Amino acid sequence: MLTTTGITYIADQQRKFTIPQENVTFQTLTGLLSIEEEKYRRCPNLDMVIGQLDFDFYYELLPTIARWASDHTHLSNPIMPLHAGTTARVTYAAAQVRYILANAFFLNTTKGYGSIDLTILYNSLFDNMAMERIRCLIEYFRRSSQENGNDDYREISIERYSYAGEQPDWEKQMIAIKASKVNVFTKRMEDAKEAQGFVDFANRQIHIHLIFPSATQEEILCE
């Protein structure tokens, strides 16, 4: 019988992030980051991304991220992993995901099933890929802030489907695939309106288990 242990990913589960009402600078932000080694406190990529934003991040968005990260009521619903080799589904509320990512922004996370530590992204010597990933996270926060709580209960479901039968030897398959059955979609996968879901053909031999400056794209099938 499989047993499931939940994980919160939150390091300090009582931490409250307080943003002053004035004179907020990048030094104010780095003072809130959970960084043990001083060499990682500069966070040049994060500083550069914030400086390139077309809005006042420190007054318009940072207080909201701090409020999300401080709302530890979500700890009552830990992340439940999907067991390898089994077909199962796990569902989260959008507010819970936002809470975890807000704590990741402040580096207030611990290892669980993998790591969501952003220290490498923040400090990868002005790495363009790292900055793009940081920019995407900030844009996620910005759009979430515009929902005004209307998106809190939206469900996000992740399903693992495991094929229990014997895998075919694909190299020996001689059945032709008709070109008319293949549709190459070059836009964002979220824009595929006819798709009912996305299938991620993950390579189980590749277990990075951390976030670093990479744009690795696994095979995604919209169905």
N, C-alpha and C. Protein backbone atom coordinates (compact mmCIF):
# COMPACT_ATOMS: atom_id res chain seq x y z
N MET A 1 0.84 -1.20 0.00
CA MET A 1 0.00 0.00 0.00
C MET A 1 0.88 1.25 0.00
N LEU A 2 0.58 2.20 -0.88
CA LEU A 2 1.36 3.42 -0.97
C LEU A 2 0.92 4.40 0.11
N THR A 3 1.90 5.03 0.74
CA THR A 3 1.60 6.09 1.70
C THR A 3 2.08 7.41 1.12
N THR A 4 1.33 8.45 1.35
CA THR A 4 1.65 9.75 0.79
C THR A 4 1.95 10.75 1.89
N THR A 5 3.09 11.40 1.79
CA THR A 5 3.47 12.42 2.75
C THR A 5 3.47 13.77 2.06
N GLY A 6 2.75 14.71 2.61
CA GLY A 6 2.68 16.04 2.01
C GLY A 6 3.91 16.86 2.34
N ILE A 7 4.14 17.89 1.55
CA ILE A 7 5.27 18.79 1.75
C ILE A 7 4.77 20.21 1.55
N THR A 8 5.23 21.14 2.36
CA THR A 8 4.78 22.53 2.23
C THR A 8 5.73 23.38 1.39
N TYR A 9 7.01 23.01 1.35
CA TYR A 9 8.07 23.75 0.67
C TYR A 9 8.43 25.07 1.37
N ILE A 10 7.77 25.40 2.46
CA ILE A 10 8.03 26.67 3.14
C ILE A 10 9.02 26.45 4.27
N ALA A 11 10.11 27.21 4.28
CA ALA A 11 11.15 27.04 5.29
C ALA A 11 10.70 27.59 6.64
N ASP A 12 10.53 28.90 6.74
CA ASP A 12 10.06 29.54 7.97
C ASP A 12 8.56 29.73 7.85
N GLN A 13 7.81 28.88 8.54
CA GLN A 13 6.36 28.86 8.37
C GLN A 13 5.64 29.86 9.26
N GLN A 14 6.39 30.75 9.89
CA GLN A 14 5.78 31.84 10.66
C GLN A 14 6.29 33.20 10.20
N ARG A 15 7.06 33.22 9.15
CA ARG A 15 7.68 34.45 8.67
C ARG A 15 6.64 35.43 8.13
N LYS A 16 6.74 36.67 8.56
CA LYS A 16 5.89 37.74 8.06
C LYS A 16 6.78 38.74 7.32
N PHE A 17 6.41 39.03 6.10
CA PHE A 17 7.19 39.94 5.26
C PHE A 17 6.52 41.32 5.29
N THR A 18 7.23 42.29 5.85
CA THR A 18 6.68 43.64 6.01
C THR A 18 7.43 44.61 5.11
N ILE A 19 6.69 45.34 4.30
CA ILE A 19 7.28 46.32 3.39
C ILE A 19 6.99 47.72 3.93
N PRO A 20 8.01 48.56 4.12
CA PRO A 20 7.78 49.93 4.58
C PRO A 20 6.92 50.71 3.58
N GLN A 21 6.28 51.74 4.05
CA GLN A 21 5.41 52.54 3.18
C GLN A 21 6.19 53.54 2.35
N GLU A 22 7.44 53.77 2.69
CA GLU A 22 8.24 54.71 1.91
C GLU A 22 9.71 54.30 1.96
N ASN A 23 10.49 54.90 1.06
CA ASN A 23 11.93 54.64 0.95
C ASN A 23 12.24 53.16 0.75
N VAL A 24 11.44 52.51 -0.10
CA VAL A 24 11.68 51.09 -0.40
C VAL A 24 12.64 51.00 -1.57
N THR A 25 13.73 50.27 -1.39
CA THR A 25 14.75 50.13 -2.42
C THR A 25 15.08 48.65 -2.61
N PHE A 26 16.00 48.39 -3.51
CA PHE A 26 16.42 47.01 -3.73
C PHE A 26 17.08 46.46 -2.47
N GLN A 27 17.77 47.31 -1.72
CA GLN A 27 18.38 46.86 -0.47
C GLN A 27 17.30 46.45 0.54
N THR A 28 16.15 47.13 0.50
CA THR A 28 15.04 46.73 1.35
C THR A 28 14.60 45.31 1.01
N LEU A 29 14.51 45.04 -0.29
CA LEU A 29 14.09 43.72 -0.74
C LEU A 29 15.10 42.65 -0.36
N THR A 30 16.38 42.88 -0.64
CA THR A 30 17.39 41.85 -0.34
C THR A 30 17.48 41.61 1.16
N GLY A 31 17.12 42.61 1.96
CA GLY A 31 17.10 42.41 3.40
C GLY A 31 16.03 41.43 3.84
N LEU A 32 15.04 41.21 2.99
CA LEU A 32 13.96 40.27 3.31
C LEU A 32 14.23 38.87 2.78
N LEU A 33 15.20 38.74 1.89
CA LEU A 33 15.49 37.43 1.30
C LEU A 33 16.18 36.52 2.31
N SER A 34 15.79 35.26 2.30
CA SER A 34 16.38 34.28 3.21
C SER A 34 17.66 33.74 2.59
N ILE A 35 18.76 34.45 2.81
CA ILE A 35 20.05 34.10 2.22
C ILE A 35 21.05 33.85 3.34
N GLU A 36 21.61 32.65 3.38
CA GLU A 36 22.57 32.32 4.43
C GLU A 36 23.98 32.78 4.09
N GLU A 37 24.36 32.65 2.81
CA GLU A 37 25.71 33.02 2.41
C GLU A 37 25.72 34.43 1.83
N GLU A 38 26.58 35.28 2.35
CA GLU A 38 26.62 36.68 1.95
C GLU A 38 26.91 36.86 0.46
N LYS A 39 27.64 35.93 -0.13
CA LYS A 39 28.01 36.06 -1.55
C LYS A 39 26.80 35.99 -2.47
N TYR A 40 25.68 35.49 -1.96
CA TYR A 40 24.48 35.39 -2.78
C TYR A 40 23.50 36.54 -2.54
N ARG A 41 23.89 37.54 -1.76
CA ARG A 41 22.97 38.60 -1.39
C ARG A 41 22.86 39.69 -2.45
N ARG A 42 23.79 39.77 -3.39
CA ARG A 42 23.75 40.84 -4.38
C ARG A 42 22.59 40.67 -5.36
N CYS A 43 22.31 39.45 -5.77
CA CYS A 43 21.18 39.15 -6.67
C CYS A 43 21.14 40.09 -7.87
N PRO A 44 22.19 40.15 -8.68
CA PRO A 44 22.25 41.13 -9.77
C PRO A 44 21.16 40.95 -10.83
N ASN A 45 20.78 39.71 -11.11
CA ASN A 45 19.74 39.50 -12.13
C ASN A 45 18.39 40.04 -11.68
N LEU A 46 18.06 39.81 -10.43
CA LEU A 46 16.80 40.32 -9.89
C LEU A 46 16.79 41.84 -9.92
N ASP A 47 17.90 42.44 -9.53
CA ASP A 47 18.02 43.90 -9.52
C ASP A 47 17.83 44.47 -10.93
N MET A 48 18.45 43.83 -11.92
CA MET A 48 18.37 44.33 -13.29
C MET A 48 16.95 44.19 -13.84
N VAL A 49 16.30 43.06 -13.58
CA VAL A 49 14.94 42.85 -14.08
C VAL A 49 13.99 43.90 -13.50
N ILE A 50 14.07 44.13 -12.20
CA ILE A 50 13.20 45.11 -11.56
C ILE A 50 13.44 46.50 -12.14
N GLY A 51 14.70 46.81 -12.42
CA GLY A 51 15.03 48.11 -12.99
C GLY A 51 14.50 48.31 -14.39
N GLN A 52 14.20 47.23 -15.10
CA GLN A 52 13.70 47.32 -16.47
C GLN A 52 12.18 47.30 -16.57
N LEU A 53 11.49 47.11 -15.46
CA LEU A 53 10.03 47.05 -15.48
C LEU A 53 9.44 48.42 -15.79
N ASP A 54 8.27 48.42 -16.42
CA ASP A 54 7.63 49.68 -16.79
C ASP A 54 6.60 50.14 -15.75
N PHE A 55 6.75 49.66 -14.52
CA PHE A 55 5.91 50.13 -13.42
C PHE A 55 6.75 50.13 -12.15
N ASP A 56 6.25 50.77 -11.11
CA ASP A 56 7.00 50.88 -9.86
C ASP A 56 6.81 49.60 -9.05
N PHE A 57 7.71 48.67 -9.21
CA PHE A 57 7.60 47.37 -8.58
C PHE A 57 7.53 47.48 -7.06
N TYR A 58 8.35 48.34 -6.47
CA TYR A 58 8.47 48.39 -5.01
C TYR A 58 7.20 48.89 -4.32
N TYR A 59 6.43 49.73 -5.00
CA TYR A 59 5.22 50.26 -4.37
C TYR A 59 3.94 49.66 -4.93
N GLU A 60 3.97 49.21 -6.18
CA GLU A 60 2.76 48.71 -6.81
C GLU A 60 2.58 47.20 -6.67
N LEU A 61 3.67 46.45 -6.50
CA LEU A 61 3.54 45.00 -6.50
C LEU A 61 4.20 44.31 -5.31
N LEU A 62 5.36 44.78 -4.88
CA LEU A 62 6.08 44.10 -3.79
C LEU A 62 5.24 43.95 -2.53
N PRO A 63 4.48 44.97 -2.07
CA PRO A 63 3.65 44.76 -0.87
C PRO A 63 2.64 43.64 -1.03
N THR A 64 2.12 43.47 -2.25
CA THR A 64 1.14 42.41 -2.49
C THR A 64 1.81 41.04 -2.43
N ILE A 65 2.99 40.91 -3.02
CA ILE A 65 3.72 39.64 -2.95
C ILE A 65 4.03 39.30 -1.50
N ALA A 66 4.42 40.32 -0.72
CA ALA A 66 4.72 40.10 0.70
C ALA A 66 3.48 39.63 1.46
N ARG A 67 2.33 40.19 1.13
CA ARG A 67 1.09 39.77 1.79
C ARG A 67 0.76 38.32 1.44
N TRP A 68 0.92 37.95 0.18
CA TRP A 68 0.67 36.56 -0.21
C TRP A 68 1.61 35.60 0.52
N ALA A 69 2.89 35.96 0.58
CA ALA A 69 3.88 35.08 1.21
C ALA A 69 3.65 34.94 2.71
N SER A 70 3.02 35.94 3.32
CA SER A 70 2.80 35.92 4.77
C SER A 70 1.52 35.21 5.18
N ASP A 71 0.71 34.83 4.21
CA ASP A 71 -0.57 34.18 4.51
C ASP A 71 -0.37 32.68 4.68
N HIS A 72 0.05 32.27 5.87
CA HIS A 72 0.41 30.87 6.11
C HIS A 72 -0.80 29.98 6.39
N THR A 73 -1.99 30.49 6.17
CA THR A 73 -3.17 29.63 6.33
C THR A 73 -3.16 28.49 5.31
N HIS A 74 -2.40 28.67 4.23
CA HIS A 74 -2.35 27.63 3.19
C HIS A 74 -1.54 26.41 3.62
N LEU A 75 -0.84 26.51 4.76
CA LEU A 75 -0.05 25.37 5.24
C LEU A 75 -0.92 24.18 5.62
N SER A 76 -2.21 24.44 5.85
CA SER A 76 -3.11 23.35 6.23
C SER A 76 -3.39 22.41 5.06
N ASN A 77 -2.97 22.80 3.87
CA ASN A 77 -3.20 21.97 2.69
C ASN A 77 -1.86 21.73 1.99
N PRO A 78 -1.06 20.77 2.49
CA PRO A 78 0.27 20.55 1.92
C PRO A 78 0.21 19.98 0.50
N ILE A 79 1.34 20.09 -0.19
CA ILE A 79 1.46 19.54 -1.54
C ILE A 79 1.56 18.02 -1.44
N MET A 80 0.70 17.33 -2.15
CA MET A 80 0.71 15.88 -2.15
C MET A 80 1.36 15.39 -3.45
N PRO A 81 2.43 14.63 -3.36
CA PRO A 81 3.13 14.19 -4.57
C PRO A 81 2.37 13.11 -5.32
N LEU A 82 2.66 13.01 -6.60
CA LEU A 82 2.12 11.93 -7.43
C LEU A 82 3.15 10.80 -7.46
N HIS A 83 2.74 9.62 -7.08
CA HIS A 83 3.67 8.50 -7.03
C HIS A 83 4.05 8.04 -8.43
N ALA A 84 5.32 7.75 -8.61
CA ALA A 84 5.80 7.22 -9.89
C ALA A 84 5.16 5.86 -10.14
N GLY A 85 4.84 5.62 -11.41
CA GLY A 85 4.30 4.32 -11.78
C GLY A 85 2.83 4.15 -11.52
N THR A 86 2.15 5.21 -11.10
CA THR A 86 0.72 5.12 -10.83
C THR A 86 -0.01 6.24 -11.57
N THR A 87 -1.27 5.99 -11.86
CA THR A 87 -2.11 7.01 -12.47
C THR A 87 -2.88 7.72 -11.37
N ALA A 88 -2.72 9.03 -11.27
CA ALA A 88 -3.38 9.77 -10.19
C ALA A 88 -3.44 11.24 -10.57
N ARG A 89 -4.21 11.99 -9.79
CA ARG A 89 -4.37 13.42 -10.03
C ARG A 89 -4.27 14.16 -8.70
N VAL A 90 -3.66 15.34 -8.74
CA VAL A 90 -3.61 16.20 -7.57
C VAL A 90 -4.11 17.58 -8.00
N THR A 91 -4.89 18.22 -7.14
CA THR A 91 -5.50 19.50 -7.47
C THR A 91 -5.15 20.55 -6.42
N TYR A 92 -4.79 21.73 -6.89
CA TYR A 92 -4.46 22.84 -6.01
C TYR A 92 -5.37 24.02 -6.31
N ALA A 93 -5.54 24.89 -5.33
CA ALA A 93 -6.22 26.16 -5.57
C ALA A 93 -5.17 27.17 -6.03
N ALA A 94 -5.58 28.10 -6.89
CA ALA A 94 -4.65 29.10 -7.41
C ALA A 94 -3.99 29.88 -6.28
N ALA A 95 -4.73 30.17 -5.21
CA ALA A 95 -4.17 30.93 -4.09
C ALA A 95 -3.05 30.16 -3.39
N GLN A 96 -3.17 28.84 -3.32
CA GLN A 96 -2.14 28.03 -2.70
C GLN A 96 -0.86 28.05 -3.52
N VAL A 97 -1.00 27.93 -4.82
CA VAL A 97 0.17 27.98 -5.71
C VAL A 97 0.85 29.34 -5.60
N ARG A 98 0.04 30.39 -5.58
CA ARG A 98 0.57 31.75 -5.48
C ARG A 98 1.32 31.96 -4.17
N TYR A 99 0.81 31.38 -3.09
CA TYR A 99 1.46 31.47 -1.77
C TYR A 99 2.85 30.84 -1.81
N ILE A 100 2.95 29.67 -2.42
CA ILE A 100 4.24 28.98 -2.50
C ILE A 100 5.22 29.76 -3.36
N LEU A 101 4.76 30.26 -4.50
CA LEU A 101 5.64 31.02 -5.39
C LEU A 101 6.06 32.35 -4.77
N ALA A 102 5.19 32.96 -3.98
CA ALA A 102 5.56 34.21 -3.30
C ALA A 102 6.67 33.95 -2.29
N ASN A 103 6.60 32.83 -1.57
CA ASN A 103 7.67 32.48 -0.65
C ASN A 103 8.95 32.12 -1.39
N ALA A 104 8.80 31.50 -2.56
CA ALA A 104 9.97 31.20 -3.38
C ALA A 104 10.65 32.50 -3.82
N PHE A 105 9.85 33.52 -4.12
CA PHE A 105 10.41 34.81 -4.51
C PHE A 105 11.31 35.37 -3.42
N PHE A 106 10.90 35.20 -2.15
CA PHE A 106 11.70 35.67 -1.02
C PHE A 106 12.72 34.63 -0.55
N LEU A 107 12.86 33.55 -1.32
CA LEU A 107 13.80 32.46 -1.01
C LEU A 107 13.49 31.78 0.31
N ASN A 108 12.23 31.83 0.72
CA ASN A 108 11.82 31.21 1.98
C ASN A 108 11.27 29.81 1.70
N THR A 109 12.11 28.97 1.10
CA THR A 109 11.67 27.62 0.76
C THR A 109 12.70 26.59 1.23
N THR A 110 12.24 25.37 1.30
CA THR A 110 13.11 24.26 1.65
C THR A 110 12.90 23.15 0.63
N LYS A 111 13.81 22.22 0.58
CA LYS A 111 13.70 21.14 -0.39
C LYS A 111 12.57 20.19 -0.02
N GLY A 112 11.90 19.70 -1.04
CA GLY A 112 10.86 18.70 -0.83
C GLY A 112 11.07 17.62 -1.87
N TYR A 113 10.13 17.48 -2.79
CA TYR A 113 10.31 16.60 -3.94
C TYR A 113 10.87 17.48 -5.05
N GLY A 114 12.19 17.69 -5.00
CA GLY A 114 12.81 18.69 -5.85
C GLY A 114 12.97 19.98 -5.08
N SER A 115 13.36 21.04 -5.76
CA SER A 115 13.61 22.31 -5.10
C SER A 115 13.04 23.45 -5.94
N ILE A 116 12.51 24.47 -5.27
CA ILE A 116 12.04 25.66 -5.97
C ILE A 116 12.84 26.88 -5.50
N ASP A 117 14.10 26.65 -5.16
CA ASP A 117 15.00 27.71 -4.73
C ASP A 117 15.43 28.54 -5.95
N LEU A 118 15.25 29.86 -5.88
CA LEU A 118 15.57 30.74 -7.01
C LEU A 118 16.93 31.41 -6.88
N THR A 119 17.74 30.99 -5.92
CA THR A 119 19.04 31.64 -5.68
C THR A 119 19.91 31.65 -6.93
N ILE A 120 19.94 30.54 -7.67
CA ILE A 120 20.77 30.47 -8.87
C ILE A 120 20.30 31.47 -9.92
N LEU A 121 18.98 31.59 -10.09
CA LEU A 121 18.46 32.56 -11.06
C LEU A 121 18.86 33.98 -10.67
N TYR A 122 18.79 34.29 -9.40
CA TYR A 122 19.07 35.65 -8.95
C TYR A 122 20.55 36.02 -9.10
N ASN A 123 21.44 35.03 -9.15
CA ASN A 123 22.88 35.32 -9.05
C ASN A 123 23.72 34.76 -10.19
N SER A 124 23.13 34.45 -11.33
CA SER A 124 23.89 33.81 -12.41
C SER A 124 24.59 34.80 -13.33
N LEU A 125 25.26 35.77 -12.77
CA LEU A 125 26.13 36.70 -13.50
C LEU A 125 25.47 37.28 -14.74
N PHE A 126 24.36 37.95 -14.55
CA PHE A 126 23.66 38.65 -15.63
C PHE A 126 23.31 37.71 -16.79
N ASP A 127 22.88 36.53 -16.44
CA ASP A 127 22.48 35.54 -17.43
C ASP A 127 21.12 35.92 -18.00
N ASN A 128 21.04 36.08 -19.33
CA ASN A 128 19.79 36.52 -19.97
C ASN A 128 18.64 35.54 -19.72
N MET A 129 18.93 34.24 -19.77
CA MET A 129 17.88 33.26 -19.55
C MET A 129 17.35 33.34 -18.12
N ALA A 130 18.25 33.55 -17.17
CA ALA A 130 17.83 33.69 -15.78
C ALA A 130 16.92 34.90 -15.62
N MET A 131 17.28 36.00 -16.26
CA MET A 131 16.48 37.22 -16.14
C MET A 131 15.10 37.05 -16.78
N GLU A 132 15.03 36.30 -17.87
CA GLU A 132 13.73 36.06 -18.50
C GLU A 132 12.83 35.24 -17.59
N ARG A 133 13.40 34.28 -16.89
CA ARG A 133 12.59 33.46 -15.99
C ARG A 133 12.11 34.28 -14.80
N ILE A 134 12.96 35.17 -14.31
CA ILE A 134 12.55 36.07 -13.22
C ILE A 134 11.45 37.00 -13.70
N ARG A 135 11.61 37.52 -14.92
CA ARG A 135 10.61 38.43 -15.49
C ARG A 135 9.25 37.73 -15.62
N CYS A 136 9.27 36.47 -16.01
CA CYS A 136 8.02 35.71 -16.14
C CYS A 136 7.33 35.55 -14.78
N LEU A 137 8.12 35.30 -13.73
CA LEU A 137 7.53 35.15 -12.40
C LEU A 137 6.91 36.46 -11.93
N ILE A 138 7.60 37.56 -12.15
CA ILE A 138 7.06 38.86 -11.75
C ILE A 138 5.80 39.19 -12.54
N GLU A 139 5.78 38.83 -13.82
CA GLU A 139 4.58 39.07 -14.63
C GLU A 139 3.42 38.23 -14.12
N TYR A 140 3.71 37.01 -13.68
CA TYR A 140 2.66 36.17 -13.07
C TYR A 140 2.08 36.87 -11.84
N PHE A 141 2.96 37.41 -11.00
CA PHE A 141 2.49 38.11 -9.81
C PHE A 141 1.67 39.35 -10.19
N ARG A 142 2.13 40.07 -11.20
CA ARG A 142 1.43 41.29 -11.61
C ARG A 142 0.02 40.96 -12.09
N ARG A 143 -0.10 39.94 -12.92
CA ARG A 143 -1.42 39.57 -13.43
C ARG A 143 -2.31 39.03 -12.32
N SER A 144 -1.72 38.28 -11.39
CA SER A 144 -2.51 37.76 -10.27
C SER A 144 -3.03 38.90 -9.40
N SER A 145 -2.23 39.94 -9.24
CA SER A 145 -2.66 41.07 -8.41
C SER A 145 -3.85 41.80 -9.03
N GLN A 146 -3.98 41.72 -10.34
CA GLN A 146 -5.08 42.39 -11.03
C GLN A 146 -6.40 41.62 -10.90
N GLU A 147 -6.33 40.38 -10.42
CA GLU A 147 -7.54 39.57 -10.25
C GLU A 147 -8.32 39.97 -8.99
N ASN A 148 -7.64 40.66 -8.06
CA ASN A 148 -8.29 41.13 -6.83
C ASN A 148 -8.98 40.01 -6.05
N GLY A 149 -8.35 38.84 -6.04
CA GLY A 149 -8.89 37.72 -5.28
C GLY A 149 -9.92 36.89 -6.01
N ASN A 150 -10.33 37.32 -7.20
CA ASN A 150 -11.36 36.59 -7.94
C ASN A 150 -10.87 35.25 -8.46
N ASP A 151 -9.55 35.07 -8.46
CA ASP A 151 -8.96 33.85 -9.01
C ASP A 151 -8.54 32.86 -7.93
N ASP A 152 -8.78 33.19 -6.66
CA ASP A 152 -8.23 32.41 -5.55
C ASP A 152 -8.64 30.94 -5.58
N TYR A 153 -9.87 30.66 -5.97
CA TYR A 153 -10.39 29.30 -5.87
C TYR A 153 -10.34 28.53 -7.19
N ARG A 154 -9.73 29.14 -8.19
CA ARG A 154 -9.56 28.41 -9.45
C ARG A 154 -8.71 27.17 -9.21
N GLU A 155 -9.15 26.05 -9.73
CA GLU A 155 -8.44 24.79 -9.50
C GLU A 155 -7.39 24.54 -10.57
N ILE A 156 -6.23 24.09 -10.13
CA ILE A 156 -5.14 23.70 -11.02
C ILE A 156 -4.90 22.22 -10.80
N SER A 157 -5.16 21.41 -11.80
CA SER A 157 -5.04 19.96 -11.66
C SER A 157 -3.85 19.44 -12.46
N ILE A 158 -3.10 18.57 -11.83
CA ILE A 158 -1.98 17.89 -12.49
C ILE A 158 -2.22 16.40 -12.38
N GLU A 159 -2.21 15.72 -13.50
CA GLU A 159 -2.50 14.29 -13.52
C GLU A 159 -1.32 13.52 -14.11
N ARG A 160 -0.94 12.47 -13.42
CA ARG A 160 0.08 11.57 -13.95
C ARG A 160 -0.63 10.33 -14.50
N TYR A 161 -0.37 10.03 -15.76
CA TYR A 161 -0.93 8.82 -16.35
C TYR A 161 0.21 7.86 -16.61
N SER A 162 0.12 6.70 -16.03
CA SER A 162 1.16 5.69 -16.19
C SER A 162 0.62 4.51 -16.99
N TYR A 163 1.30 4.20 -18.07
CA TYR A 163 0.88 3.08 -18.92
C TYR A 163 1.41 1.79 -18.32
N ALA A 164 0.48 0.92 -17.89
CA ALA A 164 0.88 -0.29 -17.18
C ALA A 164 1.25 -1.44 -18.10
N GLY A 165 0.84 -1.35 -19.37
CA GLY A 165 1.12 -2.45 -20.29
C GLY A 165 2.55 -2.45 -20.80
N GLU A 166 2.85 -3.41 -21.62
CA GLU A 166 4.19 -3.51 -22.19
C GLU A 166 4.37 -2.45 -23.28
N GLN A 167 5.46 -1.72 -23.21
CA GLN A 167 5.72 -0.68 -24.18
C GLN A 167 6.12 -1.30 -25.53
N PRO A 168 5.60 -0.77 -26.63
CA PRO A 168 5.98 -1.30 -27.94
C PRO A 168 7.42 -0.92 -28.29
N ASP A 169 8.02 -1.68 -29.16
CA ASP A 169 9.35 -1.36 -29.66
C ASP A 169 9.17 -0.39 -30.82
N TRP A 170 9.30 0.90 -30.53
CA TRP A 170 8.98 1.92 -31.52
C TRP A 170 9.88 1.85 -32.75
N GLU A 171 11.10 1.37 -32.59
CA GLU A 171 12.01 1.29 -33.73
C GLU A 171 11.55 0.27 -34.76
N LYS A 172 10.71 -0.67 -34.35
CA LYS A 172 10.24 -1.71 -35.26
C LYS A 172 8.83 -1.44 -35.78
N GLN A 173 8.25 -0.33 -35.37
CA GLN A 173 6.90 0.00 -35.83
C GLN A 173 6.95 0.49 -37.28
N MET A 174 6.17 -0.15 -38.15
CA MET A 174 6.19 0.17 -39.57
C MET A 174 4.90 0.86 -40.03
N ILE A 175 4.05 1.24 -39.07
CA ILE A 175 2.78 1.88 -39.43
C ILE A 175 3.05 3.35 -39.75
N ALA A 176 2.67 3.76 -40.94
CA ALA A 176 2.91 5.14 -41.37
C ALA A 176 1.95 6.10 -40.66
N ILE A 177 2.45 7.27 -40.34
CA ILE A 177 1.63 8.32 -39.74
C ILE A 177 1.25 9.30 -40.83
N LYS A 178 -0.03 9.48 -41.06
CA LYS A 178 -0.50 10.37 -42.11
C LYS A 178 -0.23 11.83 -41.73
N ALA A 179 0.30 12.57 -42.68
CA ALA A 179 0.62 13.98 -42.42
C ALA A 179 -0.62 14.77 -42.03
N SER A 180 -1.78 14.36 -42.54
CA SER A 180 -3.02 15.09 -42.24
C SER A 180 -3.41 14.98 -40.78
N LYS A 181 -2.83 14.01 -40.07
CA LYS A 181 -3.15 13.81 -38.66
C LYS A 181 -2.26 14.64 -37.74
N VAL A 182 -1.26 15.28 -38.32
CA VAL A 182 -0.29 16.03 -37.52
C VAL A 182 -0.51 17.53 -37.72
N ASN A 183 -0.69 18.24 -36.64
CA ASN A 183 -0.87 19.69 -36.69
C ASN A 183 0.20 20.35 -35.84
N VAL A 184 1.14 21.02 -36.48
CA VAL A 184 2.22 21.70 -35.76
C VAL A 184 1.73 23.08 -35.35
N PHE A 185 1.65 23.30 -34.05
CA PHE A 185 1.13 24.56 -33.50
C PHE A 185 2.32 25.38 -33.02
N THR A 186 2.51 26.56 -33.59
CA THR A 186 3.71 27.36 -33.30
C THR A 186 3.48 28.46 -32.28
N LYS A 187 2.24 28.63 -31.82
CA LYS A 187 1.96 29.67 -30.84
C LYS A 187 2.05 29.10 -29.43
N ARG A 188 1.64 29.87 -28.44
CA ARG A 188 1.63 29.38 -27.07
C ARG A 188 0.67 28.21 -26.95
N MET A 189 1.05 27.21 -26.16
CA MET A 189 0.18 26.05 -26.05
C MET A 189 -1.16 26.43 -25.40
N GLU A 190 -1.16 27.50 -24.57
CA GLU A 190 -2.41 27.95 -23.96
C GLU A 190 -3.38 28.52 -24.99
N ASP A 191 -2.86 28.87 -26.17
CA ASP A 191 -3.71 29.46 -27.21
C ASP A 191 -4.37 28.41 -28.10
N ALA A 192 -4.08 27.13 -27.85
CA ALA A 192 -4.70 26.06 -28.64
C ALA A 192 -6.12 25.83 -28.11
N LYS A 193 -7.07 26.60 -28.62
CA LYS A 193 -8.43 26.61 -28.09
C LYS A 193 -9.14 25.27 -28.24
N GLU A 194 -8.77 24.49 -29.26
CA GLU A 194 -9.45 23.22 -29.48
C GLU A 194 -8.94 22.11 -28.57
N ALA A 195 -7.84 22.35 -27.87
CA ALA A 195 -7.26 21.32 -27.01
C ALA A 195 -8.04 21.21 -25.70
N GLN A 196 -8.24 20.00 -25.24
CA GLN A 196 -8.92 19.76 -23.97
C GLN A 196 -7.93 19.58 -22.82
N GLY A 197 -6.67 19.43 -23.15
CA GLY A 197 -5.66 19.26 -22.11
C GLY A 197 -4.28 19.20 -22.73
N PHE A 198 -3.26 19.18 -21.90
CA PHE A 198 -1.88 19.10 -22.36
C PHE A 198 -1.25 17.83 -21.80
N VAL A 199 -0.53 17.12 -22.64
CA VAL A 199 0.18 15.92 -22.21
C VAL A 199 1.67 16.20 -22.29
N ASP A 200 2.35 16.06 -21.16
CA ASP A 200 3.79 16.31 -21.07
C ASP A 200 4.50 14.96 -21.09
N PHE A 201 5.24 14.70 -22.17
CA PHE A 201 5.98 13.44 -22.26
C PHE A 201 7.33 13.64 -21.57
N ALA A 202 7.32 13.56 -20.25
CA ALA A 202 8.53 13.80 -19.47
C ALA A 202 9.48 12.62 -19.56
N ASN A 203 10.75 12.92 -19.62
CA ASN A 203 11.78 11.89 -19.64
C ASN A 203 12.17 11.56 -18.21
N ARG A 204 11.81 10.37 -17.75
CA ARG A 204 12.07 10.04 -16.36
C ARG A 204 13.55 9.86 -16.06
N GLN A 205 14.39 9.83 -17.10
CA GLN A 205 15.82 9.72 -16.89
C GLN A 205 16.45 11.09 -16.59
N ILE A 206 15.69 12.15 -16.82
CA ILE A 206 16.21 13.50 -16.57
C ILE A 206 15.52 14.05 -15.33
N HIS A 207 16.26 14.12 -14.24
CA HIS A 207 15.71 14.63 -12.99
C HIS A 207 16.59 15.79 -12.53
N ILE A 208 16.26 17.01 -12.96
CA ILE A 208 17.07 18.17 -12.60
C ILE A 208 16.81 18.57 -11.16
N HIS A 209 15.55 18.60 -10.77
CA HIS A 209 15.15 18.86 -9.38
C HIS A 209 15.59 20.21 -8.84
N LEU A 210 15.86 21.16 -9.71
CA LEU A 210 16.17 22.50 -9.25
C LEU A 210 15.86 23.49 -10.38
N ILE A 211 15.83 24.77 -10.03
CA ILE A 211 15.53 25.82 -11.00
C ILE A 211 16.81 26.56 -11.32
N PHE A 212 17.19 26.56 -12.59
CA PHE A 212 18.40 27.25 -13.00
C PHE A 212 18.19 27.85 -14.39
N PRO A 213 19.13 28.66 -14.89
CA PRO A 213 18.94 29.34 -16.18
C PRO A 213 18.89 28.36 -17.35
N SER A 214 17.73 27.86 -17.63
CA SER A 214 17.56 26.91 -18.72
C SER A 214 16.16 27.08 -19.29
N ALA A 215 16.02 26.80 -20.58
CA ALA A 215 14.71 26.86 -21.22
C ALA A 215 14.36 25.49 -21.78
N THR A 216 14.70 24.46 -21.02
CA THR A 216 14.42 23.10 -21.46
C THR A 216 12.93 22.93 -21.72
N GLN A 217 12.59 22.47 -22.90
CA GLN A 217 11.19 22.26 -23.27
C GLN A 217 10.97 20.79 -23.55
N GLU A 218 10.17 20.16 -22.71
CA GLU A 218 9.83 18.77 -22.97
C GLU A 218 8.74 18.72 -24.03
N GLU A 219 8.48 17.52 -24.52
CA GLU A 219 7.47 17.37 -25.56
C GLU A 219 6.08 17.56 -24.97
N ILE A 220 5.33 18.49 -25.53
CA ILE A 220 3.98 18.78 -25.06
C ILE A 220 2.98 18.46 -26.17
N LEU A 221 2.00 17.66 -25.86
CA LEU A 221 0.94 17.33 -26.81
C LEU A 221 -0.35 17.98 -26.35
N CYS A 222 -0.96 18.78 -27.22
CA CYS A 222 -2.28 19.35 -26.94
C CYS A 222 -3.31 18.41 -27.54
N GLU A 223 -4.24 17.97 -26.72
CA GLU A 223 -5.23 17.03 -27.23
C GLU A 223 -6.64 17.53 -26.97
